[in-house]
């Protein structure tokens, strides 16, 4: 998908900061807009219950914004033609949603097989939460790595897992333990998201 399309793009000069700025600004606009809508009562999430009494929120606007930003980045900075970039964006949107739901279902089956003492231990939820977020991050990284050689580099995968999966888990834990308020939790989340996109922007700045 990518290698055939990378000959006609507009890859930036090596070391250019433009992709970092543009990707970061786009991420800030999208993520803070979604958060603002949520804070003011326009809930853009719907819960998906799994066995064992746990549930996860599915937010279609977040993967949609991720797909738009990264699809644009692939086209503008990775030398991927418009058609393959659109296809990549579609997979960036759909793959995390599908794989996370599959993961949730498998998690539910596993929880149903475990003893009640394990299932009812609230601390175990953090591992489940982190694993679910990591599946989402990895599903995005696989798609953009297929689309562009810039992302076939294991450090960026680790950084994104730390920032997005680890950050999500940390913020949720702080909120759940009443260390931070709901408002702080809601507004720190888009900050964490933007940091991840800045990392991706730095890799877009490298030659494909």
Protein backbone atom coordinates (compact mmCIF):
# COMPACT_ATOMS: atom_id res chain seq x y z
CA UNK A 1 0.00 0.00 0.00
CA UNK A 2 2.70 2.44 0.95
CA UNK A 3 5.79 1.58 -1.01
CA UNK A 4 4.06 2.08 -4.33
CA UNK A 5 2.76 5.44 -3.22
CA UNK A 6 5.79 6.90 -1.55
CA UNK A 7 7.40 8.14 -4.74
CA UNK A 8 4.94 10.96 -5.34
CA UNK A 9 4.69 12.59 -1.92
CA UNK A 10 6.08 15.72 -0.40
CA UNK A 11 8.45 14.38 2.23
CA UNK A 12 9.91 17.19 4.36
CA UNK A 13 13.57 18.08 4.48
CA UNK A 14 15.49 16.08 7.04
CA UNK A 15 15.16 17.72 10.46
CA UNK A 16 12.20 19.93 9.49
CA UNK A 17 9.99 20.91 12.44
CA UNK A 18 6.97 21.58 10.23
CA UNK A 19 5.40 18.10 10.65
CA UNK A 20 5.76 18.35 14.43
CA UNK A 21 4.00 21.71 14.52
CA UNK A 22 1.25 20.83 12.04
CA UNK A 23 0.48 17.40 13.49
CA UNK A 24 0.57 18.83 17.02
CA UNK A 25 -1.77 21.70 16.16
CA UNK A 26 -4.23 19.40 14.38
CA UNK A 27 -4.16 17.02 17.33
CA UNK A 28 -4.78 19.87 19.78
CA UNK A 29 -7.71 21.20 17.76
CA UNK A 30 -9.42 17.84 17.38
CA UNK A 31 -8.78 16.47 20.86
CA UNK A 32 -9.63 19.62 22.79
CA UNK A 33 -12.77 20.10 20.68
CA UNK A 34 -13.92 16.56 21.51
CA UNK A 35 -13.12 17.09 25.20
CA UNK A 36 -14.94 20.42 25.26
CA UNK A 37 -18.03 18.83 23.75
CA UNK A 38 -17.89 16.08 26.37
CA UNK A 39 -17.38 18.49 29.28
CA UNK A 40 -20.42 20.51 28.23
CA UNK A 41 -22.67 17.48 28.19
CA UNK A 42 -22.43 16.33 24.62
CA UNK A 43 -21.38 12.79 25.43
CA UNK A 44 -19.67 11.23 22.46
CA UNK A 45 -19.03 7.86 24.07
CA UNK A 46 -21.08 4.72 24.39
CA UNK A 47 -20.29 1.94 26.87
CA UNK A 48 -19.58 -1.63 25.83
CA UNK A 49 -20.03 -4.12 28.66
CA UNK A 50 -17.90 -7.22 28.98
CA UNK A 51 -18.24 -10.15 31.33
CA UNK A 52 -17.02 -9.81 34.86
CA UNK A 53 -18.75 -6.49 35.51
CA UNK A 54 -16.27 -4.38 33.54
CA UNK A 55 -17.07 -2.02 30.71
CA UNK A 56 -15.17 0.22 28.29
CA UNK A 57 -16.21 3.39 26.54
CA UNK A 58 -16.10 3.43 22.76
CA UNK A 59 -15.51 6.91 21.38
CA UNK A 60 -15.77 6.91 17.57
CA UNK A 61 -14.69 10.53 17.23
CA UNK A 62 -11.27 9.87 18.76
CA UNK A 63 -10.25 7.16 16.26
CA UNK A 64 -11.82 9.27 13.50
CA UNK A 65 -9.67 12.27 14.44
CA UNK A 66 -6.60 10.04 14.70
CA UNK A 67 -7.31 8.65 11.25
CA UNK A 68 -7.70 12.12 9.73
CA UNK A 69 -4.51 13.47 11.32
CA UNK A 70 -2.34 10.47 10.47
CA UNK A 71 -3.85 10.06 7.01
CA UNK A 72 -2.98 13.69 6.31
CA UNK A 73 0.51 13.16 7.73
CA UNK A 74 1.11 10.13 5.51
CA UNK A 75 0.06 12.07 2.43
CA UNK A 76 1.80 15.32 3.26
CA UNK A 77 5.02 14.15 4.91
CA UNK A 78 5.61 10.48 4.05
CA UNK A 79 5.32 10.60 0.28
CA UNK A 80 2.17 8.46 0.27
CA UNK A 81 -0.25 9.29 -2.55
CA UNK A 82 -3.74 10.48 -1.73
CA UNK A 83 -5.47 7.18 -2.54
CA UNK A 84 -3.27 4.95 -0.36
CA UNK A 85 -3.32 7.61 2.38
CA UNK A 86 -7.13 7.52 2.42
CA UNK A 87 -7.07 3.72 2.58
CA UNK A 88 -4.58 3.89 5.45
CA UNK A 89 -6.81 6.41 7.27
CA UNK A 90 -9.80 4.07 6.94
CA UNK A 91 -7.79 1.24 8.48
CA UNK A 92 -6.43 3.56 11.19
CA UNK A 93 -10.04 4.34 12.09
CA UNK A 94 -11.53 0.86 11.88
CA UNK A 95 -8.74 -1.41 13.08
CA UNK A 96 -8.53 -0.16 16.70
CA UNK A 97 -12.31 -0.27 17.10
CA UNK A 98 -12.57 -3.83 15.79
CA UNK A 99 -9.52 -5.21 17.59
CA UNK A 100 -10.39 -3.56 20.90
CA UNK A 101 -13.88 -5.05 20.79
CA UNK A 102 -12.42 -8.48 20.02
CA UNK A 103 -9.98 -7.98 22.91
CA UNK A 104 -12.82 -6.93 25.21
CA UNK A 105 -14.79 -10.04 24.28
CA UNK A 106 -11.79 -12.30 24.93
CA UNK A 107 -11.16 -10.50 28.21
CA UNK A 108 -14.74 -11.11 29.21
CA UNK A 109 -14.44 -14.81 28.47
CA UNK A 110 -11.23 -14.99 30.51
CA UNK A 111 -12.76 -13.14 33.45
CA UNK A 112 -15.71 -15.47 33.40
CA UNK A 113 -13.32 -18.41 33.80
CA UNK A 114 -11.33 -16.90 36.69
CA UNK A 115 -12.28 -17.26 40.35
CA UNK A 116 -14.37 -14.52 41.93
CA UNK A 117 -11.47 -13.45 44.14
CA UNK A 118 -9.52 -12.44 41.05
CA UNK A 119 -12.42 -10.88 39.16
CA UNK A 120 -13.60 -8.78 42.09
CA UNK A 121 -10.12 -7.41 42.86
CA UNK A 122 -10.40 -3.85 41.61
CA UNK A 123 -6.62 -3.54 41.22
CA UNK A 124 -6.69 -6.11 38.43
CA UNK A 125 -8.70 -3.64 36.35
CA UNK A 126 -5.60 -1.53 35.74
CA UNK A 127 -3.87 -4.37 33.92
CA UNK A 128 -6.98 -4.97 31.84
CA UNK A 129 -7.27 -1.26 31.11
CA UNK A 130 -3.60 -0.95 30.08
CA UNK A 131 -3.80 -4.04 27.85
CA UNK A 132 -6.90 -2.68 26.10
CA UNK A 133 -5.22 0.66 25.47
CA UNK A 134 -2.06 -1.06 24.24
CA UNK A 135 -4.06 -3.08 21.72
CA UNK A 136 -5.50 0.19 20.41
CA UNK A 137 -2.06 1.82 20.10
CA UNK A 138 -0.48 -1.20 18.43
CA UNK A 139 -3.30 -1.49 15.91
CA UNK A 140 -2.67 2.11 14.80
CA UNK A 141 1.10 1.63 14.69
CA UNK A 142 0.85 -1.51 12.56
CA UNK A 143 -1.18 0.36 9.94
CA UNK A 144 1.11 3.39 9.71
CA UNK A 145 4.20 1.17 9.75
CA UNK A 146 2.82 -0.67 6.72
CA UNK A 147 2.10 2.69 5.09
CA UNK A 148 5.46 4.35 5.81
CA UNK A 149 8.99 3.22 6.61
CA UNK A 150 9.29 6.14 9.05
CA UNK A 151 7.33 4.14 11.58
CA UNK A 152 9.10 0.80 11.21
CA UNK A 153 11.23 1.77 14.14
CA UNK A 154 10.61 0.13 17.50
CA UNK A 155 11.38 3.21 19.70
CA UNK A 156 8.34 5.09 18.39
CA UNK A 157 6.14 2.09 19.20
CA UNK A 158 7.46 1.98 22.77
CA UNK A 159 7.09 5.74 23.19
CA UNK A 160 3.48 5.64 22.01
CA UNK A 161 2.66 2.72 24.30
CA UNK A 162 4.18 4.61 27.25
CA UNK A 163 2.46 7.92 26.45
CA UNK A 164 -0.95 6.73 25.26
CA UNK A 165 -1.52 3.35 26.94
CA UNK A 166 0.53 4.14 30.03
CA UNK A 167 -0.77 7.70 30.21
CA UNK A 168 -4.39 6.59 29.91
CA UNK A 169 -3.90 4.07 32.70
CA UNK A 170 -2.09 6.54 34.95
CA UNK A 171 -4.71 9.26 34.52
CA UNK A 172 -7.55 6.82 35.07
CA UNK A 173 -5.85 5.45 38.21
CA UNK A 174 -5.29 8.95 39.62
CA UNK A 175 -8.93 9.82 38.99
CA UNK A 176 -10.24 6.52 40.34
CA UNK A 177 -8.20 6.97 43.53
CA UNK A 178 -9.46 10.57 43.88
CA UNK A 179 -5.97 12.03 43.44
CA UNK A 180 -7.24 14.29 40.65
CA UNK A 181 -10.73 15.60 39.97
CA UNK A 182 -12.94 14.61 37.06
CA UNK A 183 -12.28 17.99 35.44
CA UNK A 184 -8.52 17.51 35.70
CA UNK A 185 -8.84 14.00 34.31
CA UNK A 186 -10.89 15.20 31.35
CA UNK A 187 -8.52 18.05 30.46
CA UNK A 188 -5.28 16.15 31.01
CA UNK A 189 -6.40 13.44 28.60
CA UNK A 190 -6.16 15.61 25.44
CA UNK A 191 -2.78 16.90 26.67
CA UNK A 192 -1.54 13.32 26.78
CA UNK A 193 -2.97 12.69 23.32
CA UNK A 194 -1.23 15.75 21.88
CA UNK A 195 2.10 14.63 23.35
CA UNK A 196 1.72 11.34 21.49
CA UNK A 197 0.98 13.14 18.25
CA UNK A 198 4.03 15.37 18.72
CA UNK A 199 6.11 12.19 18.90
CA UNK A 200 4.50 10.97 15.69
CA UNK A 201 5.14 14.39 14.14
CA UNK A 202 8.83 14.03 14.96
CA UNK A 203 8.90 10.75 13.06
CA UNK A 204 7.01 12.30 10.15
CA UNK A 205 9.88 14.80 10.02
CA UNK A 206 12.30 11.99 9.18
CA UNK A 207 12.85 10.97 5.61
CA UNK A 208 10.73 8.03 4.50
